[in-house]
Amino acid sequence: MEAIEEKEMMGGLCFLLNDPAFYEEALERTGCREMDFTGRPMKGWVFVDDSGMKTLEDLNYWIGLSIDYNKRAKSSKKKK
């Protein structure tokens, strides 16, 4: 299993494992919305509030989705 990075970002706690997958499907789940703190949505990022993680099954869904997508994710280009 790959390491999951836990970071305080954008006024909350984020768990990073490359980019998320199944973006549109994820947005249909309870408590999930497009990540947008600056007026410019962050493509591929979602925000899940407490209502989206009420049960262990909910939390396991989000973790599983991230881990599954990590196998398909492309590396971002390094800035010089």
PDB file of N, CA and C in Angstrom:
ATOM      1  N   MET A   1       0.842  -1.182   0.000  1.00  0.00           N
ATOM      2  CA  MET A   1       0.000   0.000   0.000  1.00  0.00           C
ATOM      3  C   MET A   1       0.884   1.242   0.000  1.00  0.00           C
ATOM      4  N   GLU A   2       0.491   2.228  -0.776  1.00  0.00           N
ATOM      5  CA  GLU A   2       1.258   3.451  -0.865  1.00  0.00           C
ATOM      6  C   GLU A   2       0.918   4.363   0.303  1.00  0.00           C
ATOM      7  N   ALA A   3       1.846   5.235   0.627  1.00  0.00           N
ATOM      8  CA  ALA A   3       1.643   6.152   1.742  1.00  0.00           C
ATOM      9  C   ALA A   3       0.599   7.206   1.395  1.00  0.00           C
ATOM     10  N   ILE A   4      -0.265   7.471   2.327  1.00  0.00           N
ATOM     11  CA  ILE A   4      -1.249   8.538   2.184  1.00  0.00           C
ATOM     12  C   ILE A   4      -0.728   9.715   2.988  1.00  0.00           C
ATOM     13  N   GLU A   5      -0.642  10.862   2.338  1.00  0.00           N
ATOM     14  CA  GLU A   5      -0.130  12.049   3.002  1.00  0.00           C
ATOM     15  C   GLU A   5      -1.293  12.826   3.601  1.00  0.00           C
ATOM     16  N   GLU A   6      -1.182  13.156   4.874  1.00  0.00           N
ATOM     17  CA  GLU A   6      -2.192  13.948   5.560  1.00  0.00           C
ATOM     18  C   GLU A   6      -1.640  15.363   5.685  1.00  0.00           C
ATOM     19  N   LYS A   7      -2.398  16.355   5.200  1.00  0.00           N
ATOM     20  CA  LYS A   7      -1.920  17.733   5.191  1.00  0.00           C
ATOM     21  C   LYS A   7      -3.026  18.690   5.598  1.00  0.00           C
ATOM     22  N   GLU A   8      -2.657  19.719   6.344  1.00  0.00           N
ATOM     23  CA  GLU A   8      -3.597  20.802   6.600  1.00  0.00           C
ATOM     24  C   GLU A   8      -3.502  21.739   5.413  1.00  0.00           C
ATOM     25  N   MET A   9      -4.602  21.866   4.690  1.00  0.00           N
ATOM     26  CA  MET A   9      -4.644  22.698   3.495  1.00  0.00           C
ATOM     27  C   MET A   9      -5.999  23.371   3.401  1.00  0.00           C
ATOM     28  N   MET A  10      -6.013  24.581   2.895  1.00  0.00           N
ATOM     29  CA  MET A  10      -7.252  25.270   2.562  1.00  0.00           C
ATOM     30  C   MET A  10      -8.241  25.295   3.721  1.00  0.00           C
ATOM     31  N   GLY A  11      -7.737  25.464   4.923  1.00  0.00           N
ATOM     32  CA  GLY A  11      -8.600  25.584   6.088  1.00  0.00           C
ATOM     33  C   GLY A  11      -9.156  24.272   6.600  1.00  0.00           C
ATOM     34  N   GLY A  12      -8.609  23.144   6.161  1.00  0.00           N
ATOM     35  CA  GLY A  12      -9.098  21.848   6.620  1.00  0.00           C
ATOM     36  C   GLY A  12      -8.012  20.795   6.529  1.00  0.00           C
ATOM     37  N   LEU A  13      -8.411  19.578   6.703  1.00  0.00           N
ATOM     38  CA  LEU A  13      -7.497  18.453   6.649  1.00  0.00           C
ATOM     39  C   LEU A  13      -7.698  17.717   5.334  1.00  0.00           C
ATOM     40  N   CYS A  14      -6.617  17.487   4.600  1.00  0.00           N
ATOM     41  CA  CYS A  14      -6.679  16.792   3.317  1.00  0.00           C
ATOM     42  C   CYS A  14      -5.885  15.504   3.400  1.00  0.00           C
ATOM     43  N   PHE A  15      -6.349  14.491   2.689  1.00  0.00           N
ATOM     44  CA  PHE A  15      -5.622  13.241   2.554  1.00  0.00           C
ATOM     45  C   PHE A  15      -5.258  13.123   1.093  1.00  0.00           C
ATOM     46  N   LEU A  16      -3.959  13.066   0.798  1.00  0.00           N
ATOM     47  CA  LEU A  16      -3.477  13.113  -0.570  1.00  0.00           C
ATOM     48  C   LEU A  16      -2.899  11.782  -1.001  1.00  0.00           C
ATOM     49  N   LEU A  17      -3.366  11.298  -2.111  1.00  0.00           N
ATOM     50  CA  LEU A  17      -2.848  10.094  -2.736  1.00  0.00           C
ATOM     51  C   LEU A  17      -3.000  10.300  -4.235  1.00  0.00           C
ATOM     52  N   ASN A  18      -2.206  11.214  -4.767  1.00  0.00           N
ATOM     53  CA  ASN A  18      -2.324  11.660  -6.157  1.00  0.00           C
ATOM     54  C   ASN A  18      -3.699  12.287  -6.372  1.00  0.00           C
ATOM     55  N   ASP A  19      -4.216  12.279  -7.567  1.00  0.00           N
ATOM     56  CA  ASP A  19      -5.477  12.955  -7.875  1.00  0.00           C
ATOM     57  C   ASP A  19      -6.654  12.017  -7.727  1.00  0.00           C
ATOM     58  N   PRO A  20      -7.844  12.568  -7.383  1.00  0.00           N
ATOM     59  CA  PRO A  20      -9.033  11.718  -7.266  1.00  0.00           C
ATOM     60  C   PRO A  20      -9.571  11.277  -8.622  1.00  0.00           C
ATOM     61  N   ALA A  21     -10.342  10.244  -8.633  1.00  0.00           N
ATOM     62  CA  ALA A  21     -10.915   9.688  -9.867  1.00  0.00           C
ATOM     63  C   ALA A  21     -12.428   9.744  -9.814  1.00  0.00           C
ATOM     64  N   PHE A  22     -13.036   9.395 -10.932  1.00  0.00           N
ATOM     65  CA  PHE A  22     -14.489   9.296 -10.985  1.00  0.00           C
ATOM     66  C   PHE A  22     -15.138  10.568 -10.444  1.00  0.00           C
ATOM     67  N   TYR A  23     -14.630  11.686 -10.899  1.00  0.00           N
ATOM     68  CA  TYR A  23     -15.006  12.999 -10.398  1.00  0.00           C
ATOM     69  C   TYR A  23     -16.517  13.228 -10.423  1.00  0.00           C
ATOM     70  N   GLU A  24     -17.135  13.033 -11.570  1.00  0.00           N
ATOM     71  CA  GLU A  24     -18.579  13.288 -11.694  1.00  0.00           C
ATOM     72  C   GLU A  24     -19.381  12.362 -10.786  1.00  0.00           C
ATOM     73  N   GLU A  25     -18.993  11.100 -10.731  1.00  0.00           N
ATOM     74  CA  GLU A  25     -19.695  10.136  -9.868  1.00  0.00           C
ATOM     75  C   GLU A  25     -19.554  10.533  -8.397  1.00  0.00           C
ATOM     76  N   ALA A  26     -18.369  10.955  -8.028  1.00  0.00           N
ATOM     77  CA  ALA A  26     -18.127  11.348  -6.639  1.00  0.00           C
ATOM     78  C   ALA A  26     -18.999  12.545  -6.261  1.00  0.00           C
ATOM     79  N   LEU A  27     -19.158  13.482  -7.179  1.00  0.00           N
ATOM     80  CA  LEU A  27     -19.951  14.678  -6.891  1.00  0.00           C
ATOM     81  C   LEU A  27     -21.419  14.367  -6.609  1.00  0.00           C
ATOM     82  N   GLU A  28     -21.900  13.209  -7.023  1.00  0.00           N
ATOM     83  CA  GLU A  28     -23.287  12.823  -6.795  1.00  0.00           C
ATOM     84  C   GLU A  28     -23.516  12.264  -5.389  1.00  0.00           C
ATOM     85  N   ARG A  29     -22.452  11.978  -4.674  1.00  0.00           N
ATOM     86  CA  ARG A  29     -22.588  11.394  -3.334  1.00  0.00           C
ATOM     87  C   ARG A  29     -22.935  12.467  -2.299  1.00  0.00           C
ATOM     88  N   THR A  30     -23.620  12.047  -1.271  1.00  0.00           N
ATOM     89  CA  THR A  30     -23.989  12.941  -0.173  1.00  0.00           C
ATOM     90  C   THR A  30     -22.749  13.581   0.433  1.00  0.00           C
ATOM     91  N   GLY A  31     -22.824  14.888   0.646  1.00  0.00           N
ATOM     92  CA  GLY A  31     -21.749  15.601   1.321  1.00  0.00           C
ATOM     93  C   GLY A  31     -20.577  15.988   0.450  1.00  0.00           C
ATOM     94  N   CYS A  32     -20.639  15.657  -0.834  1.00  0.00           N
ATOM     95  CA  CYS A  32     -19.512  15.921  -1.727  1.00  0.00           C
ATOM     96  C   CYS A  32     -19.842  17.104  -2.635  1.00  0.00           C
ATOM     97  N   ARG A  33     -18.856  17.977  -2.810  1.00  0.00           N
ATOM     98  CA  ARG A  33     -19.025  19.090  -3.736  1.00  0.00           C
ATOM     99  C   ARG A  33     -17.689  19.412  -4.389  1.00  0.00           C
ATOM    100  N   GLU A  34     -17.770  20.192  -5.432  1.00  0.00           N
ATOM    101  CA  GLU A  34     -16.589  20.612  -6.160  1.00  0.00           C
ATOM    102  C   GLU A  34     -15.696  21.456  -5.231  1.00  0.00           C
ATOM    103  N   MET A  35     -14.406  21.232  -5.304  1.00  0.00           N
ATOM    104  CA  MET A  35     -13.460  22.005  -4.502  1.00  0.00           C
ATOM    105  C   MET A  35     -13.302  23.376  -5.161  1.00  0.00           C
ATOM    106  N   ASP A  36     -13.719  24.422  -4.448  1.00  0.00           N
ATOM    107  CA  ASP A  36     -13.648  25.769  -4.996  1.00  0.00           C
ATOM    108  C   ASP A  36     -13.570  26.763  -3.844  1.00  0.00           C
ATOM    109  N   PHE A  37     -12.372  27.172  -3.515  1.00  0.00           N
ATOM    110  CA  PHE A  37     -12.192  28.151  -2.451  1.00  0.00           C
ATOM    111  C   PHE A  37     -11.798  29.522  -2.982  1.00  0.00           C
ATOM    112  N   THR A  38     -11.469  29.597  -4.262  1.00  0.00           N
ATOM    113  CA  THR A  38     -10.929  30.835  -4.814  1.00  0.00           C
ATOM    114  C   THR A  38     -11.778  31.394  -5.956  1.00  0.00           C
ATOM    115  N   GLY A  39     -12.882  30.747  -6.288  1.00  0.00           N
ATOM    116  CA  GLY A  39     -13.673  31.148  -7.440  1.00  0.00           C
ATOM    117  C   GLY A  39     -13.251  30.440  -8.712  1.00  0.00           C
ATOM    118  N   ARG A  40     -12.217  29.629  -8.608  1.00  0.00           N
ATOM    119  CA  ARG A  40     -11.749  28.811  -9.732  1.00  0.00           C
ATOM    120  C   ARG A  40     -11.744  27.352  -9.272  1.00  0.00           C
ATOM    121  N   PRO A  41     -12.697  26.554  -9.714  1.00  0.00           N
ATOM    122  CA  PRO A  41     -12.764  25.153  -9.286  1.00  0.00           C
ATOM    123  C   PRO A  41     -11.455  24.410  -9.572  1.00  0.00           C
ATOM    124  N   MET A  42     -11.099  23.519  -8.663  1.00  0.00           N
ATOM    125  CA  MET A  42      -9.889  22.712  -8.815  1.00  0.00           C
ATOM    126  C   MET A  42     -10.300  21.385  -9.449  1.00  0.00           C
ATOM    127  N   LYS A  43     -10.050  21.252 -10.733  1.00  0.00           N
ATOM    128  CA  LYS A  43     -10.450  20.049 -11.463  1.00  0.00           C
ATOM    129  C   LYS A  43      -9.849  18.797 -10.820  1.00  0.00           C
ATOM    130  N   GLY A  44     -10.710  17.821 -10.596  1.00  0.00           N
ATOM    131  CA  GLY A  44     -10.252  16.564 -10.017  1.00  0.00           C
ATOM    132  C   GLY A  44     -10.249  16.531  -8.504  1.00  0.00           C
ATOM    133  N   TRP A  45     -10.508  17.652  -7.872  1.00  0.00           N
ATOM    134  CA  TRP A  45     -10.554  17.714  -6.415  1.00  0.00           C
ATOM    135  C   TRP A  45     -12.004  17.820  -5.964  1.00  0.00           C
ATOM    136  N   VAL A  46     -12.332  17.165  -4.873  1.00  0.00           N
ATOM    137  CA  VAL A  46     -13.659  17.293  -4.278  1.00  0.00           C
ATOM    138  C   VAL A  46     -13.514  17.603  -2.798  1.00  0.00           C
ATOM    139  N   PHE A  47     -14.551  18.179  -2.244  1.00  0.00           N
ATOM    140  CA  PHE A  47     -14.633  18.455  -0.822  1.00  0.00           C
ATOM    141  C   PHE A  47     -15.747  17.595  -0.264  1.00  0.00           C
ATOM    142  N   VAL A  48     -15.465  16.856   0.785  1.00  0.00           N
ATOM    143  CA  VAL A  48     -16.468  15.994   1.413  1.00  0.00           C
ATOM    144  C   VAL A  48     -16.676  16.500   2.838  1.00  0.00           C
ATOM    145  N   ASP A  49     -17.897  16.938   3.134  1.00  0.00           N
ATOM    146  CA  ASP A  49     -18.167  17.425   4.486  1.00  0.00           C
ATOM    147  C   ASP A  49     -18.586  16.268   5.395  1.00  0.00           C
ATOM    148  N   ASP A  50     -18.883  16.575   6.630  1.00  0.00           N
ATOM    149  CA  ASP A  50     -19.225  15.550   7.625  1.00  0.00           C
ATOM    150  C   ASP A  50     -20.387  14.661   7.210  1.00  0.00           C
ATOM    151  N   SER A  51     -21.358  15.217   6.478  1.00  0.00           N
ATOM    152  CA  SER A  51     -22.513  14.413   6.088  1.00  0.00           C
ATOM    153  C   SER A  51     -22.130  13.315   5.093  1.00  0.00           C
ATOM    154  N   GLY A  52     -20.984  13.439   4.460  1.00  0.00           N
ATOM    155  CA  GLY A  52     -20.514  12.423   3.521  1.00  0.00           C
ATOM    156  C   GLY A  52     -19.681  11.338   4.163  1.00  0.00           C
ATOM    157  N   MET A  53     -19.442  11.477   5.470  1.00  0.00           N
ATOM    158  CA  MET A  53     -18.619  10.487   6.178  1.00  0.00           C
ATOM    159  C   MET A  53     -19.240  10.116   7.521  1.00  0.00           C
ATOM    160  N   LYS A  54     -20.518   9.840   7.502  1.00  0.00           N
ATOM    161  CA  LYS A  54     -21.222   9.515   8.747  1.00  0.00           C
ATOM    162  C   LYS A  54     -20.942   8.099   9.237  1.00  0.00           C
ATOM    163  N   THR A  55     -20.594   7.219   8.314  1.00  0.00           N
ATOM    164  CA  THR A  55     -20.374   5.823   8.705  1.00  0.00           C
ATOM    165  C   THR A  55     -18.981   5.379   8.270  1.00  0.00           C
ATOM    166  N   LEU A  56     -18.528   4.290   8.825  1.00  0.00           N
ATOM    167  CA  LEU A  56     -17.253   3.715   8.423  1.00  0.00           C
ATOM    168  C   LEU A  56     -17.310   3.301   6.951  1.00  0.00           C
ATOM    169  N   GLU A  57     -18.474   2.856   6.502  1.00  0.00           N
ATOM    170  CA  GLU A  57     -18.655   2.490   5.095  1.00  0.00           C
ATOM    171  C   GLU A  57     -18.435   3.703   4.179  1.00  0.00           C
ATOM    172  N   ASP A  58     -18.937   4.863   4.590  1.00  0.00           N
ATOM    173  CA  ASP A  58     -18.725   6.097   3.819  1.00  0.00           C
ATOM    174  C   ASP A  58     -17.230   6.434   3.735  1.00  0.00           C
ATOM    175  N   LEU A  59     -16.570   6.415   4.876  1.00  0.00           N
ATOM    176  CA  LEU A  59     -15.143   6.725   4.908  1.00  0.00           C
ATOM    177  C   LEU A  59     -14.355   5.737   4.059  1.00  0.00           C
ATOM    178  N   ASN A  60     -14.694   4.458   4.167  1.00  0.00           N
ATOM    179  CA  ASN A  60     -14.008   3.437   3.367  1.00  0.00           C
ATOM    180  C   ASN A  60     -14.220   3.657   1.872  1.00  0.00           C
ATOM    181  N   TYR A  61     -15.389   4.156   1.478  1.00  0.00           N
ATOM    182  CA  TYR A  61     -15.638   4.459   0.073  1.00  0.00           C
ATOM    183  C   TYR A  61     -14.630   5.497  -0.415  1.00  0.00           C
ATOM    184  N   TRP A  62     -14.482   6.608   0.318  1.00  0.00           N
ATOM    185  CA  TRP A  62     -13.592   7.686  -0.111  1.00  0.00           C
ATOM    186  C   TRP A  62     -12.132   7.238  -0.139  1.00  0.00           C
ATOM    187  N   ILE A  63     -11.729   6.485   0.847  1.00  0.00           N
ATOM    188  CA  ILE A  63     -10.345   5.985   0.866  1.00  0.00           C
ATOM    189  C   ILE A  63     -10.134   5.009  -0.284  1.00  0.00           C
ATOM    190  N   GLY A  64     -11.080   4.101  -0.501  1.00  0.00           N
ATOM    191  CA  GLY A  64     -10.962   3.126  -1.590  1.00  0.00           C
ATOM    192  C   GLY A  64     -10.931   3.792  -2.951  1.00  0.00           C
ATOM    193  N   LEU A  65     -11.747   4.826  -3.132  1.00  0.00           N
ATOM    194  CA  LEU A  65     -11.764   5.554  -4.396  1.00  0.00           C
ATOM    195  C   LEU A  65     -10.399   6.183  -4.673  1.00  0.00           C
ATOM    196  N   SER A  66      -9.828   6.782  -3.677  1.00  0.00           N
ATOM    197  CA  SER A  66      -8.508   7.408  -3.836  1.00  0.00           C
ATOM    198  C   SER A  66      -7.427   6.388  -4.159  1.00  0.00           C
ATOM    199  N   ILE A  67      -7.423   5.290  -3.445  1.00  0.00           N
ATOM    200  CA  ILE A  67      -6.405   4.260  -3.667  1.00  0.00           C
ATOM    201  C   ILE A  67      -6.569   3.615  -5.038  1.00  0.00           C
ATOM    202  N   ASP A  68      -7.810   3.358  -5.439  1.00  0.00           N
ATOM    203  CA  ASP A  68      -8.054   2.753  -6.749  1.00  0.00           C
ATOM    204  C   ASP A  68      -7.565   3.662  -7.869  1.00  0.00           C
ATOM    205  N   TYR A  69      -7.866   4.947  -7.754  1.00  0.00           N
ATOM    206  CA  TYR A  69      -7.458   5.868  -8.809  1.00  0.00           C
ATOM    207  C   TYR A  69      -5.951   6.050  -8.861  1.00  0.00           C
ATOM    208  N   ASN A  70      -5.307   5.962  -7.747  1.00  0.00           N
ATOM    209  CA  ASN A  70      -3.863   6.164  -7.711  1.00  0.00           C
ATOM    210  C   ASN A  70      -3.139   5.242  -8.690  1.00  0.00           C
ATOM    211  N   LYS A  71      -3.700   4.079  -8.937  1.00  0.00           N
ATOM    212  CA  LYS A  71      -3.086   3.129  -9.877  1.00  0.00           C
ATOM    213  C   LYS A  71      -3.117   3.674 -11.300  1.00  0.00           C
ATOM    214  N   ARG A  72      -4.048   4.592 -11.611  1.00  0.00           N
ATOM    215  CA  ARG A  72      -4.209   5.127 -12.967  1.00  0.00           C
ATOM    216  C   ARG A  72      -3.692   6.558 -13.125  1.00  0.00           C
ATOM    217  N   ALA A  73      -3.386   7.202 -12.033  1.00  0.00           N
ATOM    218  CA  ALA A  73      -3.033   8.624 -12.074  1.00  0.00           C
ATOM    219  C   ALA A  73      -1.745   8.885 -12.818  1.00  0.00           C
ATOM    220  N   LYS A  74      -1.729  10.003 -13.523  1.00  0.00           N
ATOM    221  CA  LYS A  74      -0.519  10.447 -14.203  1.00  0.00           C
ATOM    222  C   LYS A  74       0.221  11.417 -13.301  1.00  0.00           C
ATOM    223  N   SER A  75       1.526  11.384 -13.362  1.00  0.00           N
ATOM    224  CA  SER A  75       2.318  12.338 -12.594  1.00  0.00           C
ATOM    225  C   SER A  75       2.159  13.723 -13.185  1.00  0.00           C
ATOM    226  N   SER A  76       2.121  14.707 -12.332  1.00  0.00           N
ATOM    227  CA  SER A  76       2.068  16.076 -12.834  1.00  0.00           C
ATOM    228  C   SER A  76       3.469  16.486 -13.266  1.00  0.00           C
ATOM    229  N   LYS A  77       3.519  17.452 -14.182  1.00  0.00           N
ATOM    230  CA  LYS A  77       4.811  17.931 -14.651  1.00  0.00           C
ATOM    231  C   LYS A  77       5.462  18.768 -13.564  1.00  0.00           C
ATOM    232  N   LYS A  78       6.736  18.567 -13.342  1.00  0.00           N
ATOM    233  CA  LYS A  78       7.480  19.317 -12.334  1.00  0.00           C
ATOM    234  C   LYS A  78       7.722  20.729 -12.837  1.00  0.00           C
ATOM    235  N   LYS A  79       7.509  21.700 -11.955  1.00  0.00           N
ATOM    236  CA  LYS A  79       7.822  23.085 -12.303  1.00  0.00           C
ATOM    237  C   LYS A  79       9.298  23.325 -12.059  1.00  0.00           C
ATOM    238  N   LYS A  80       9.898  24.094 -12.933  1.00  0.00           N
ATOM    239  CA  LYS A  80      11.330  24.403 -12.767  1.00  0.00           C
ATOM    240  C   LYS A  80      11.532  25.702 -12.051  1.00  0.00           C
TER     241      LYS A  80
END
